[in-house]
């Protein structure tokens, strides 16, 4: 499994916002400068992360972005789902998806929700605070 570039960049953006204590507002341009991401990419990420309730954004003097919740209350699973939707390794378990040629004979299909839940659970165990800390 590999995250999309946008999901990866969303994690990078959220870590950068968390490094500002989550309480101080920071501009998209400042996040872009700190992360090396292009400003338009950061602006797009901020828009999606704000819509998902992970960031708060305000315009004008004193505006900028900040975390919507404490960094300990935001997980990698939250960020990935904000960008990609529900975490799943296969599309066949999604409601309304019938594009697999093996669907009628697949013996694994009933088990994929368990696998997907385990993956989501693992990502939910990694809080944003852990990504802000210096590795030891």
Foldseek 3Di string as FASTA:
>chain_A
DDADPLLVVLLLLQLLQVLVVLPAFDALVVSCVVRVNDSVSSVVSQVLCVVLQQKDFDDDVSTHIGGSDGQQQAWSLSSSCSPPNQQFPDPVQDPPDDPDPCVVPDPCNVVRVVVSVVVSVVRRVGTSVNVNDDDD
